[in-house]
Amino acid sequence: MRDPEVVLELLSQIHEAAERIRQRAETILTPEDYVNSDEGLLRLDATGMMIIVIGEYLKKLDKQVSPEFFEEYPKVDWKGAKGMRDILSHEYFLLEKRIIFDVAKK
């Protein structure tokens, strides 16, 4: 671990982004709820942005910790989370409401 304070800050930011996703998804009951209203579209955009934030901070975390750090949590799809950041950042309009819904609810 390079700098424990940096690692803690990155983890804190990831947690904050995940919490925002959870809060914004509370009233979303189906993937279609994201596209049936302006409010839903705002939640979809906000959730997409927080997924980007999580992916970005995971990439930074990757540079701060050893691979064993991630191996301690095998149920987490670390590569997928970082990959979603890339897709959303570069191909935002390919975003699929069902995938965002699944991420937000899980």
PDB file of N, CA and C in Angstrom:
ATOM      1  N   MET A   1       0.859  -1.172   0.000  1.00  0.00           N
ATOM      2  CA  MET A   1       0.000   0.000   0.000  1.00  0.00           C
ATOM      3  C   MET A   1       0.898   1.227   0.000  1.00  0.00           C
ATOM      4  N   ARG A   2       0.672   2.071  -0.958  1.00  0.00           N
ATOM      5  CA  ARG A   2       1.541   3.237  -1.091  1.00  0.00           C
ATOM      6  C   ARG A   2       1.265   4.283  -0.030  1.00  0.00           C
ATOM      7  N   ASP A   3       0.047   4.779   0.018  1.00  0.00           N
ATOM      8  CA  ASP A   3      -0.290   5.819   0.987  1.00  0.00           C
ATOM      9  C   ASP A   3      -1.665   5.502   1.580  1.00  0.00           C
ATOM     10  N   PRO A   4      -1.688   5.027   2.825  1.00  0.00           N
ATOM     11  CA  PRO A   4      -2.950   4.632   3.446  1.00  0.00           C
ATOM     12  C   PRO A   4      -4.004   5.740   3.463  1.00  0.00           C
ATOM     13  N   GLU A   5      -3.578   6.984   3.620  1.00  0.00           N
ATOM     14  CA  GLU A   5      -4.541   8.092   3.629  1.00  0.00           C
ATOM     15  C   GLU A   5      -5.204   8.261   2.268  1.00  0.00           C
ATOM     16  N   VAL A   6      -4.433   8.103   1.208  1.00  0.00           N
ATOM     17  CA  VAL A   6      -4.986   8.194  -0.144  1.00  0.00           C
ATOM     18  C   VAL A   6      -5.963   7.045  -0.366  1.00  0.00           C
ATOM     19  N   VAL A   7      -5.584   5.851   0.068  1.00  0.00           N
ATOM     20  CA  VAL A   7      -6.460   4.688  -0.083  1.00  0.00           C
ATOM     21  C   VAL A   7      -7.780   4.913   0.655  1.00  0.00           C
ATOM     22  N   LEU A   8      -7.707   5.392   1.878  1.00  0.00           N
ATOM     23  CA  LEU A   8      -8.929   5.656   2.640  1.00  0.00           C
ATOM     24  C   LEU A   8      -9.793   6.720   1.976  1.00  0.00           C
ATOM     25  N   GLU A   9      -9.182   7.746   1.428  1.00  0.00           N
ATOM     26  CA  GLU A   9      -9.939   8.792   0.744  1.00  0.00           C
ATOM     27  C   GLU A   9     -10.617   8.239  -0.512  1.00  0.00           C
ATOM     28  N   LEU A  10      -9.915   7.430  -1.270  1.00  0.00           N
ATOM     29  CA  LEU A  10     -10.503   6.829  -2.464  1.00  0.00           C
ATOM     30  C   LEU A  10     -11.677   5.924  -2.088  1.00  0.00           C
ATOM     31  N   LEU A  11     -11.487   5.108  -1.060  1.00  0.00           N
ATOM     32  CA  LEU A  11     -12.574   4.231  -0.609  1.00  0.00           C
ATOM     33  C   LEU A  11     -13.762   5.040  -0.108  1.00  0.00           C
ATOM     34  N   SER A  12     -13.496   6.140   0.548  1.00  0.00           N
ATOM     35  CA  SER A  12     -14.568   7.014   1.028  1.00  0.00           C
ATOM     36  C   SER A  12     -15.361   7.604  -0.138  1.00  0.00           C
ATOM     37  N   GLN A  13     -14.658   8.023  -1.172  1.00  0.00           N
ATOM     38  CA  GLN A  13     -15.329   8.596  -2.347  1.00  0.00           C
ATOM     39  C   GLN A  13     -16.147   7.525  -3.083  1.00  0.00           C
ATOM     40  N   ILE A  14     -15.611   6.315  -3.164  1.00  0.00           N
ATOM     41  CA  ILE A  14     -16.352   5.216  -3.788  1.00  0.00           C
ATOM     42  C   ILE A  14     -17.620   4.926  -2.991  1.00  0.00           C
ATOM     43  N   HIS A  15     -17.483   4.898  -1.681  1.00  0.00           N
ATOM     44  CA  HIS A  15     -18.653   4.659  -0.822  1.00  0.00           C
ATOM     45  C   HIS A  15     -19.693   5.758  -1.004  1.00  0.00           C
ATOM     46  N   GLU A  16     -19.266   6.994  -1.043  1.00  0.00           N
ATOM     47  CA  GLU A  16     -20.190   8.127  -1.224  1.00  0.00           C
ATOM     48  C   GLU A  16     -20.932   8.011  -2.556  1.00  0.00           C
ATOM     49  N   ALA A  17     -20.224   7.676  -3.620  1.00  0.00           N
ATOM     50  CA  ALA A  17     -20.867   7.531  -4.927  1.00  0.00           C
ATOM     51  C   ALA A  17     -21.872   6.373  -4.904  1.00  0.00           C
ATOM     52  N   ALA A  18     -21.503   5.262  -4.276  1.00  0.00           N
ATOM     53  CA  ALA A  18     -22.413   4.116  -4.177  1.00  0.00           C
ATOM     54  C   ALA A  18     -23.649   4.478  -3.363  1.00  0.00           C
ATOM     55  N   GLU A  19     -23.464   5.241  -2.324  1.00  0.00           N
ATOM     56  CA  GLU A  19     -24.601   5.677  -1.498  1.00  0.00           C
ATOM     57  C   GLU A  19     -25.535   6.589  -2.299  1.00  0.00           C
ATOM     58  N   ARG A  20     -24.981   7.467  -3.099  1.00  0.00           N
ATOM     59  CA  ARG A  20     -25.817   8.334  -3.954  1.00  0.00           C
ATOM     60  C   ARG A  20     -26.613   7.497  -4.949  1.00  0.00           C
ATOM     61  N   ILE A  21     -25.976   6.480  -5.510  1.00  0.00           N
ATOM     62  CA  ILE A  21     -26.694   5.592  -6.432  1.00  0.00           C
ATOM     63  C   ILE A  21     -27.846   4.926  -5.704  1.00  0.00           C
ATOM     64  N   ARG A  22     -27.572   4.398  -4.517  1.00  0.00           N
ATOM     65  CA  ARG A  22     -28.617   3.724  -3.736  1.00  0.00           C
ATOM     66  C   ARG A  22     -29.784   4.648  -3.447  1.00  0.00           C
ATOM     67  N   GLN A  23     -29.492   5.869  -3.013  1.00  0.00           N
ATOM     68  CA  GLN A  23     -30.544   6.825  -2.684  1.00  0.00           C
ATOM     69  C   GLN A  23     -31.372   7.205  -3.909  1.00  0.00           C
ATOM     70  N   ARG A  24     -30.706   7.434  -5.016  1.00  0.00           N
ATOM     71  CA  ARG A  24     -31.416   7.863  -6.227  1.00  0.00           C
ATOM     72  C   ARG A  24     -32.228   6.737  -6.841  1.00  0.00           C
ATOM     73  N   ALA A  25     -31.888   5.500  -6.528  1.00  0.00           N
ATOM     74  CA  ALA A  25     -32.598   4.356  -7.096  1.00  0.00           C
ATOM     75  C   ALA A  25     -33.778   3.900  -6.231  1.00  0.00           C
ATOM     76  N   GLU A  26     -33.953   4.509  -5.066  1.00  0.00           N
ATOM     77  CA  GLU A  26     -35.020   4.063  -4.171  1.00  0.00           C
ATOM     78  C   GLU A  26     -36.391   4.093  -4.825  1.00  0.00           C
ATOM     79  N   THR A  27     -36.681   5.097  -5.616  1.00  0.00           N
ATOM     80  CA  THR A  27     -37.998   5.214  -6.236  1.00  0.00           C
ATOM     81  C   THR A  27     -38.053   4.605  -7.636  1.00  0.00           C
ATOM     82  N   ILE A  28     -36.957   4.057  -8.090  1.00  0.00           N
ATOM     83  CA  ILE A  28     -36.909   3.406  -9.399  1.00  0.00           C
ATOM     84  C   ILE A  28     -37.261   1.932  -9.192  1.00  0.00           C
ATOM     85  N   LEU A  29     -38.394   1.516  -9.726  1.00  0.00           N
ATOM     86  CA  LEU A  29     -38.861   0.154  -9.508  1.00  0.00           C
ATOM     87  C   LEU A  29     -38.626  -0.753 -10.712  1.00  0.00           C
ATOM     88  N   THR A  30     -38.515  -0.151 -11.883  1.00  0.00           N
ATOM     89  CA  THR A  30     -38.250  -0.913 -13.106  1.00  0.00           C
ATOM     90  C   THR A  30     -37.265  -0.113 -13.959  1.00  0.00           C
ATOM     91  N   PRO A  31     -36.591  -0.752 -14.883  1.00  0.00           N
ATOM     92  CA  PRO A  31     -35.688  -0.007 -15.778  1.00  0.00           C
ATOM     93  C   PRO A  31     -36.420   1.096 -16.556  1.00  0.00           C
ATOM     94  N   GLU A  32     -37.674   0.871 -16.878  1.00  0.00           N
ATOM     95  CA  GLU A  32     -38.442   1.858 -17.627  1.00  0.00           C
ATOM     96  C   GLU A  32     -38.685   3.143 -16.830  1.00  0.00           C
ATOM     97  N   ASP A  33     -38.627   3.044 -15.504  1.00  0.00           N
ATOM     98  CA  ASP A  33     -38.792   4.239 -14.666  1.00  0.00           C
ATOM     99  C   ASP A  33     -37.715   5.284 -14.964  1.00  0.00           C
ATOM    100  N   TYR A  34     -36.585   4.837 -15.507  1.00  0.00           N
ATOM    101  CA  TYR A  34     -35.516   5.766 -15.849  1.00  0.00           C
ATOM    102  C   TYR A  34     -35.841   6.596 -17.092  1.00  0.00           C
ATOM    103  N   VAL A  35     -36.731   6.121 -17.932  1.00  0.00           N
ATOM    104  CA  VAL A  35     -36.958   6.811 -19.204  1.00  0.00           C
ATOM    105  C   VAL A  35     -38.387   7.316 -19.388  1.00  0.00           C
ATOM    106  N   ASN A  36     -39.250   7.075 -18.427  1.00  0.00           N
ATOM    107  CA  ASN A  36     -40.657   7.466 -18.554  1.00  0.00           C
ATOM    108  C   ASN A  36     -40.955   8.899 -18.135  1.00  0.00           C
ATOM    109  N   SER A  37     -39.959   9.602 -17.616  1.00  0.00           N
ATOM    110  CA  SER A  37     -40.194  10.979 -17.174  1.00  0.00           C
ATOM    111  C   SER A  37     -38.869  11.735 -17.149  1.00  0.00           C
ATOM    112  N   ASP A  38     -38.984  13.061 -17.081  1.00  0.00           N
ATOM    113  CA  ASP A  38     -37.775  13.872 -16.945  1.00  0.00           C
ATOM    114  C   ASP A  38     -37.047  13.554 -15.647  1.00  0.00           C
ATOM    115  N   GLU A  39     -37.810  13.318 -14.575  1.00  0.00           N
ATOM    116  CA  GLU A  39     -37.208  12.965 -13.285  1.00  0.00           C
ATOM    117  C   GLU A  39     -36.423  11.658 -13.405  1.00  0.00           C
ATOM    118  N   GLY A  40     -37.010  10.689 -14.093  1.00  0.00           N
ATOM    119  CA  GLY A  40     -36.319   9.419 -14.293  1.00  0.00           C
ATOM    120  C   GLY A  40     -35.037   9.591 -15.098  1.00  0.00           C
ATOM    121  N   LEU A  41     -35.099  10.400 -16.142  1.00  0.00           N
ATOM    122  CA  LEU A  41     -33.908  10.653 -16.951  1.00  0.00           C
ATOM    123  C   LEU A  41     -32.821  11.346 -16.143  1.00  0.00           C
ATOM    124  N   LEU A  42     -33.226  12.260 -15.258  1.00  0.00           N
ATOM    125  CA  LEU A  42     -32.245  12.909 -14.380  1.00  0.00           C
ATOM    126  C   LEU A  42     -31.586  11.882 -13.454  1.00  0.00           C
ATOM    127  N   ARG A  43     -32.376  10.962 -12.947  1.00  0.00           N
ATOM    128  CA  ARG A  43     -31.824   9.907 -12.082  1.00  0.00           C
ATOM    129  C   ARG A  43     -30.901   8.986 -12.875  1.00  0.00           C
ATOM    130  N   LEU A  44     -31.276   8.681 -14.113  1.00  0.00           N
ATOM    131  CA  LEU A  44     -30.430   7.849 -14.967  1.00  0.00           C
ATOM    132  C   LEU A  44     -29.094   8.534 -15.222  1.00  0.00           C
ATOM    133  N   ASP A  45     -29.137   9.818 -15.572  1.00  0.00           N
ATOM    134  CA  ASP A  45     -27.902  10.568 -15.801  1.00  0.00           C
ATOM    135  C   ASP A  45     -27.047  10.632 -14.542  1.00  0.00           C
ATOM    136  N   ALA A  46     -27.684  10.909 -13.417  1.00  0.00           N
ATOM    137  CA  ALA A  46     -26.945  11.012 -12.160  1.00  0.00           C
ATOM    138  C   ALA A  46     -26.328   9.671 -11.774  1.00  0.00           C
ATOM    139  N   THR A  47     -27.071   8.605 -11.972  1.00  0.00           N
ATOM    140  CA  THR A  47     -26.552   7.280 -11.646  1.00  0.00           C
ATOM    141  C   THR A  47     -25.382   6.927 -12.559  1.00  0.00           C
ATOM    142  N   GLY A  48     -25.528   7.234 -13.848  1.00  0.00           N
ATOM    143  CA  GLY A  48     -24.432   7.008 -14.782  1.00  0.00           C
ATOM    144  C   GLY A  48     -23.182   7.760 -14.370  1.00  0.00           C
ATOM    145  N   MET A  49     -23.347   8.999 -13.933  1.00  0.00           N
ATOM    146  CA  MET A  49     -22.201   9.798 -13.503  1.00  0.00           C
ATOM    147  C   MET A  49     -21.535   9.191 -12.274  1.00  0.00           C
ATOM    148  N   MET A  50     -22.314   8.694 -11.335  1.00  0.00           N
ATOM    149  CA  MET A  50     -21.732   8.086 -10.141  1.00  0.00           C
ATOM    150  C   MET A  50     -21.030   6.770 -10.474  1.00  0.00           C
ATOM    151  N   ILE A  51     -21.527   6.046 -11.468  1.00  0.00           N
ATOM    152  CA  ILE A  51     -20.830   4.831 -11.912  1.00  0.00           C
ATOM    153  C   ILE A  51     -19.482   5.208 -12.509  1.00  0.00           C
ATOM    154  N   ILE A  52     -19.448   6.293 -13.263  1.00  0.00           N
ATOM    155  CA  ILE A  52     -18.183   6.788 -13.811  1.00  0.00           C
ATOM    156  C   ILE A  52     -17.226   7.143 -12.676  1.00  0.00           C
ATOM    157  N   VAL A  53     -17.734   7.830 -11.669  1.00  0.00           N
ATOM    158  CA  VAL A  53     -16.906   8.218 -10.517  1.00  0.00           C
ATOM    159  C   VAL A  53     -16.323   6.971  -9.843  1.00  0.00           C
ATOM    160  N   ILE A  54     -17.160   5.970  -9.615  1.00  0.00           N
ATOM    161  CA  ILE A  54     -16.685   4.752  -8.968  1.00  0.00           C
ATOM    162  C   ILE A  54     -15.581   4.108  -9.799  1.00  0.00           C
ATOM    163  N   GLY A  55     -15.803   3.984 -11.088  1.00  0.00           N
ATOM    164  CA  GLY A  55     -14.790   3.385 -11.953  1.00  0.00           C
ATOM    165  C   GLY A  55     -13.491   4.161 -11.955  1.00  0.00           C
ATOM    166  N   GLU A  56     -13.611   5.477 -11.975  1.00  0.00           N
ATOM    167  CA  GLU A  56     -12.421   6.332 -11.974  1.00  0.00           C
ATOM    168  C   GLU A  56     -11.617   6.145 -10.681  1.00  0.00           C
ATOM    169  N   TYR A  57     -12.312   6.131  -9.558  1.00  0.00           N
ATOM    170  CA  TYR A  57     -11.612   5.963  -8.289  1.00  0.00           C
ATOM    171  C   TYR A  57     -11.079   4.540  -8.115  1.00  0.00           C
ATOM    172  N   LEU A  58     -11.751   3.558  -8.699  1.00  0.00           N
ATOM    173  CA  LEU A  58     -11.207   2.203  -8.654  1.00  0.00           C
ATOM    174  C   LEU A  58      -9.896   2.116  -9.433  1.00  0.00           C
ATOM    175  N   LYS A  59      -9.831   2.810 -10.548  1.00  0.00           N
ATOM    176  CA  LYS A  59      -8.581   2.833 -11.316  1.00  0.00           C
ATOM    177  C   LYS A  59      -7.463   3.498 -10.513  1.00  0.00           C
ATOM    178  N   LYS A  60      -7.801   4.549  -9.783  1.00  0.00           N
ATOM    179  CA  LYS A  60      -6.802   5.206  -8.928  1.00  0.00           C
ATOM    180  C   LYS A  60      -6.407   4.286  -7.773  1.00  0.00           C
ATOM    181  N   LEU A  61      -7.388   3.597  -7.212  1.00  0.00           N
ATOM    182  CA  LEU A  61      -7.124   2.670  -6.117  1.00  0.00           C
ATOM    183  C   LEU A  61      -6.207   1.535  -6.590  1.00  0.00           C
ATOM    184  N   ASP A  62      -6.423   1.093  -7.804  1.00  0.00           N
ATOM    185  CA  ASP A  62      -5.611   0.034  -8.391  1.00  0.00           C
ATOM    186  C   ASP A  62      -4.119   0.383  -8.365  1.00  0.00           C
ATOM    187  N   LYS A  63      -3.815   1.663  -8.472  1.00  0.00           N
ATOM    188  CA  LYS A  63      -2.413   2.114  -8.464  1.00  0.00           C
ATOM    189  C   LYS A  63      -1.855   2.248  -7.046  1.00  0.00           C
ATOM    190  N   GLN A  64      -2.738   2.191  -6.062  1.00  0.00           N
ATOM    191  CA  GLN A  64      -2.318   2.401  -4.675  1.00  0.00           C
ATOM    192  C   GLN A  64      -2.187   1.113  -3.865  1.00  0.00           C
ATOM    193  N   VAL A  65      -2.826   0.057  -4.327  1.00  0.00           N
ATOM    194  CA  VAL A  65      -2.841  -1.179  -3.541  1.00  0.00           C
ATOM    195  C   VAL A  65      -2.308  -2.343  -4.369  1.00  0.00           C
ATOM    196  N   SER A  66      -1.960  -3.403  -3.682  1.00  0.00           N
ATOM    197  CA  SER A  66      -1.481  -4.609  -4.372  1.00  0.00           C
ATOM    198  C   SER A  66      -2.681  -5.376  -4.928  1.00  0.00           C
ATOM    199  N   PRO A  67      -2.464  -6.254  -5.890  1.00  0.00           N
ATOM    200  CA  PRO A  67      -3.558  -7.064  -6.448  1.00  0.00           C
ATOM    201  C   PRO A  67      -4.278  -7.903  -5.385  1.00  0.00           C
ATOM    202  N   GLU A  68      -3.571  -8.263  -4.334  1.00  0.00           N
ATOM    203  CA  GLU A  68      -4.178  -9.058  -3.269  1.00  0.00           C
ATOM    204  C   GLU A  68      -5.344  -8.327  -2.601  1.00  0.00           C
ATOM    205  N   PHE A  69      -5.296  -7.002  -2.594  1.00  0.00           N
ATOM    206  CA  PHE A  69      -6.390  -6.226  -2.019  1.00  0.00           C
ATOM    207  C   PHE A  69      -7.704  -6.602  -2.684  1.00  0.00           C
ATOM    208  N   PHE A  70      -7.722  -6.630  -4.008  1.00  0.00           N
ATOM    209  CA  PHE A  70      -8.934  -6.931  -4.751  1.00  0.00           C
ATOM    210  C   PHE A  70      -9.309  -8.410  -4.647  1.00  0.00           C
ATOM    211  N   GLU A  71      -8.306  -9.269  -4.517  1.00  0.00           N
ATOM    212  CA  GLU A  71      -8.548 -10.705  -4.405  1.00  0.00           C
ATOM    213  C   GLU A  71      -9.277 -11.065  -3.112  1.00  0.00           C
ATOM    214  N   GLU A  72      -9.194 -10.194  -2.121  1.00  0.00           N
ATOM    215  CA  GLU A  72      -9.889 -10.438  -0.854  1.00  0.00           C
ATOM    216  C   GLU A  72     -11.404 -10.326  -1.001  1.00  0.00           C
ATOM    217  N   TYR A  73     -11.870  -9.780  -2.117  1.00  0.00           N
ATOM    218  CA  TYR A  73     -13.290  -9.573  -2.368  1.00  0.00           C
ATOM    219  C   TYR A  73     -13.648 -10.172  -3.734  1.00  0.00           C
ATOM    220  N   PRO A  74     -13.608 -11.499  -3.845  1.00  0.00           N
ATOM    221  CA  PRO A  74     -13.793 -12.150  -5.146  1.00  0.00           C
ATOM    222  C   PRO A  74     -15.207 -11.996  -5.727  1.00  0.00           C
ATOM    223  N   LYS A  75     -16.193 -11.671  -4.902  1.00  0.00           N
ATOM    224  CA  LYS A  75     -17.562 -11.517  -5.409  1.00  0.00           C
ATOM    225  C   LYS A  75     -17.753 -10.202  -6.168  1.00  0.00           C
ATOM    226  N   VAL A  76     -16.835  -9.271  -5.991  1.00  0.00           N
ATOM    227  CA  VAL A  76     -16.939  -7.975  -6.661  1.00  0.00           C
ATOM    228  C   VAL A  76     -16.313  -8.083  -8.048  1.00  0.00           C
ATOM    229  N   ASP A  77     -17.031  -7.618  -9.041  1.00  0.00           N
ATOM    230  CA  ASP A  77     -16.519  -7.607 -10.414  1.00  0.00           C
ATOM    231  C   ASP A  77     -15.728  -6.313 -10.621  1.00  0.00           C
ATOM    232  N   TRP A  78     -14.494  -6.303 -10.139  1.00  0.00           N
ATOM    233  CA  TRP A  78     -13.657  -5.103 -10.203  1.00  0.00           C
ATOM    234  C   TRP A  78     -13.413  -4.676 -11.642  1.00  0.00           C
ATOM    235  N   LYS A  79     -13.076  -5.643 -12.478  1.00  0.00           N
ATOM    236  CA  LYS A  79     -12.795  -5.338 -13.886  1.00  0.00           C
ATOM    237  C   LYS A  79     -14.053  -4.774 -14.564  1.00  0.00           C
ATOM    238  N   GLY A  80     -15.187  -5.359 -14.277  1.00  0.00           N
ATOM    239  CA  GLY A  80     -16.442  -4.880 -14.850  1.00  0.00           C
ATOM    240  C   GLY A  80     -16.776  -3.462 -14.417  1.00  0.00           C
ATOM    241  N   ALA A  81     -16.526  -3.152 -13.147  1.00  0.00           N
ATOM    242  CA  ALA A  81     -16.808  -1.795 -12.640  1.00  0.00           C
ATOM    243  C   ALA A  81     -15.932  -0.762 -13.331  1.00  0.00           C
ATOM    244  N   LYS A  82     -14.663  -1.099 -13.514  1.00  0.00           N
ATOM    245  CA  LYS A  82     -13.770  -0.171 -14.213  1.00  0.00           C
ATOM    246  C   LYS A  82     -14.139  -0.085 -15.690  1.00  0.00           C
ATOM    247  N   GLY A  83     -14.567  -1.190 -16.260  1.00  0.00           N
ATOM    248  CA  GLY A  83     -14.958  -1.203 -17.660  1.00  0.00           C
ATOM    249  C   GLY A  83     -16.218  -0.394 -17.922  1.00  0.00           C
ATOM    250  N   MET A  84     -17.156  -0.419 -16.964  1.00  0.00           N
ATOM    251  CA  MET A  84     -18.372   0.392 -17.120  1.00  0.00           C
ATOM    252  C   MET A  84     -18.026   1.865 -17.182  1.00  0.00           C
ATOM    253  N   ARG A  85     -17.045   2.256 -16.407  1.00  0.00           N
ATOM    254  CA  ARG A  85     -16.598   3.649 -16.438  1.00  0.00           C
ATOM    255  C   ARG A  85     -16.150   4.015 -17.839  1.00  0.00           C
ATOM    256  N   ASP A  86     -15.382   3.140 -18.464  1.00  0.00           N
ATOM    257  CA  ASP A  86     -14.883   3.414 -19.811  1.00  0.00           C
ATOM    258  C   ASP A  86     -16.022   3.521 -20.820  1.00  0.00           C
ATOM    259  N   ILE A  87     -16.962   2.593 -20.742  1.00  0.00           N
ATOM    260  CA  ILE A  87     -18.091   2.618 -21.677  1.00  0.00           C
ATOM    261  C   ILE A  87     -18.915   3.876 -21.490  1.00  0.00           C
ATOM    262  N   LEU A  88     -19.262   4.186 -20.247  1.00  0.00           N
ATOM    263  CA  LEU A  88     -20.096   5.362 -19.997  1.00  0.00           C
ATOM    264  C   LEU A  88     -19.384   6.660 -20.349  1.00  0.00           C
ATOM    265  N   SER A  89     -18.094   6.702 -20.129  1.00  0.00           N
ATOM    266  CA  SER A  89     -17.344   7.916 -20.424  1.00  0.00           C
ATOM    267  C   SER A  89     -17.190   8.153 -21.916  1.00  0.00           C
ATOM    268  N   HIS A  90     -17.052   7.088 -22.674  1.00  0.00           N
ATOM    269  CA  HIS A  90     -16.741   7.235 -24.094  1.00  0.00           C
ATOM    270  C   HIS A  90     -17.927   6.977 -25.012  1.00  0.00           C
ATOM    271  N   GLU A  91     -18.900   6.228 -24.529  1.00  0.00           N
ATOM    272  CA  GLU A  91     -20.058   5.887 -25.356  1.00  0.00           C
ATOM    273  C   GLU A  91     -21.337   6.082 -24.541  1.00  0.00           C
ATOM    274  N   TYR A  92     -21.508   7.257 -23.945  1.00  0.00           N
ATOM    275  CA  TYR A  92     -22.579   7.466 -22.969  1.00  0.00           C
ATOM    276  C   TYR A  92     -23.954   7.120 -23.517  1.00  0.00           C
ATOM    277  N   PHE A  93     -24.213   7.426 -24.771  1.00  0.00           N
ATOM    278  CA  PHE A  93     -25.547   7.194 -25.296  1.00  0.00           C
ATOM    279  C   PHE A  93     -25.813   5.730 -25.641  1.00  0.00           C
ATOM    280  N   LEU A  94     -24.826   4.861 -25.408  1.00  0.00           N
ATOM    281  CA  LEU A  94     -25.054   3.426 -25.539  1.00  0.00           C
ATOM    282  C   LEU A  94     -25.532   2.830 -24.210  1.00  0.00           C
ATOM    283  N   LEU A  95     -25.624   3.668 -23.208  1.00  0.00           N
ATOM    284  CA  LEU A  95     -26.044   3.268 -21.868  1.00  0.00           C
ATOM    285  C   LEU A  95     -27.386   2.550 -21.930  1.00  0.00           C
ATOM    286  N   GLU A  96     -27.472   1.407 -21.301  1.00  0.00           N
ATOM    287  CA  GLU A  96     -28.701   0.622 -21.297  1.00  0.00           C
ATOM    288  C   GLU A  96     -29.362   0.714 -19.933  1.00  0.00           C
ATOM    289  N   LYS A  97     -30.616   1.114 -19.949  1.00  0.00           N
ATOM    290  CA  LYS A  97     -31.335   1.322 -18.690  1.00  0.00           C
ATOM    291  C   LYS A  97     -31.390   0.064 -17.825  1.00  0.00           C
ATOM    292  N   ARG A  98     -31.478  -1.120 -18.435  1.00  0.00           N
ATOM    293  CA  ARG A  98     -31.533  -2.353 -17.656  1.00  0.00           C
ATOM    294  C   ARG A  98     -30.219  -2.576 -16.903  1.00  0.00           C
ATOM    295  N   ILE A  99     -29.102  -2.309 -17.540  1.00  0.00           N
ATOM    296  CA  ILE A  99     -27.803  -2.493 -16.884  1.00  0.00           C
ATOM    297  C   ILE A  99     -27.643  -1.495 -15.733  1.00  0.00           C
ATOM    298  N   ILE A 100     -28.007  -0.246 -15.975  1.00  0.00           N
ATOM    299  CA  ILE A 100     -27.946   0.762 -14.910  1.00  0.00           C
ATOM    300  C   ILE A 100     -28.859   0.377 -13.771  1.00  0.00           C
ATOM    301  N   PHE A 101     -30.062  -0.096 -14.079  1.00  0.00           N
ATOM    302  CA  PHE A 101     -31.000  -0.530 -13.067  1.00  0.00           C
ATOM    303  C   PHE A 101     -30.381  -1.656 -12.226  1.00  0.00           C
ATOM    304  N   ASP A 102     -29.809  -2.662 -12.902  1.00  0.00           N
ATOM    305  CA  ASP A 102     -29.200  -3.785 -12.168  1.00  0.00           C
ATOM    306  C   ASP A 102     -28.061  -3.326 -11.272  1.00  0.00           C
ATOM    307  N   VAL A 103     -27.226  -2.425 -11.775  1.00  0.00           N
ATOM    308  CA  VAL A 103     -26.121  -1.890 -10.968  1.00  0.00           C
ATOM    309  C   VAL A 103     -26.666  -1.144  -9.759  1.00  0.00           C
ATOM    310  N   ALA A 104     -27.656  -0.301  -9.980  1.00  0.00           N
ATOM    311  CA  ALA A 104     -28.213   0.519  -8.895  1.00  0.00           C
ATOM    312  C   ALA A 104     -28.882  -0.331  -7.825  1.00  0.00           C
ATOM    313  N   LYS A 105     -29.501  -1.410  -8.223  1.00  0.00           N
ATOM    314  CA  LYS A 105     -30.242  -2.231  -7.265  1.00  0.00           C
ATOM    315  C   LYS A 105     -29.355  -3.263  -6.563  1.00  0.00           C
ATOM    316  N   LYS A 106     -28.213  -3.574  -7.164  1.00  0.00           N
ATOM    317  CA  LYS A 106     -27.334  -4.578  -6.546  1.00  0.00           C
ATOM    318  C   LYS A 106     -26.171  -3.915  -5.876  1.00  0.00           C
TER     319      LYS A 106
END
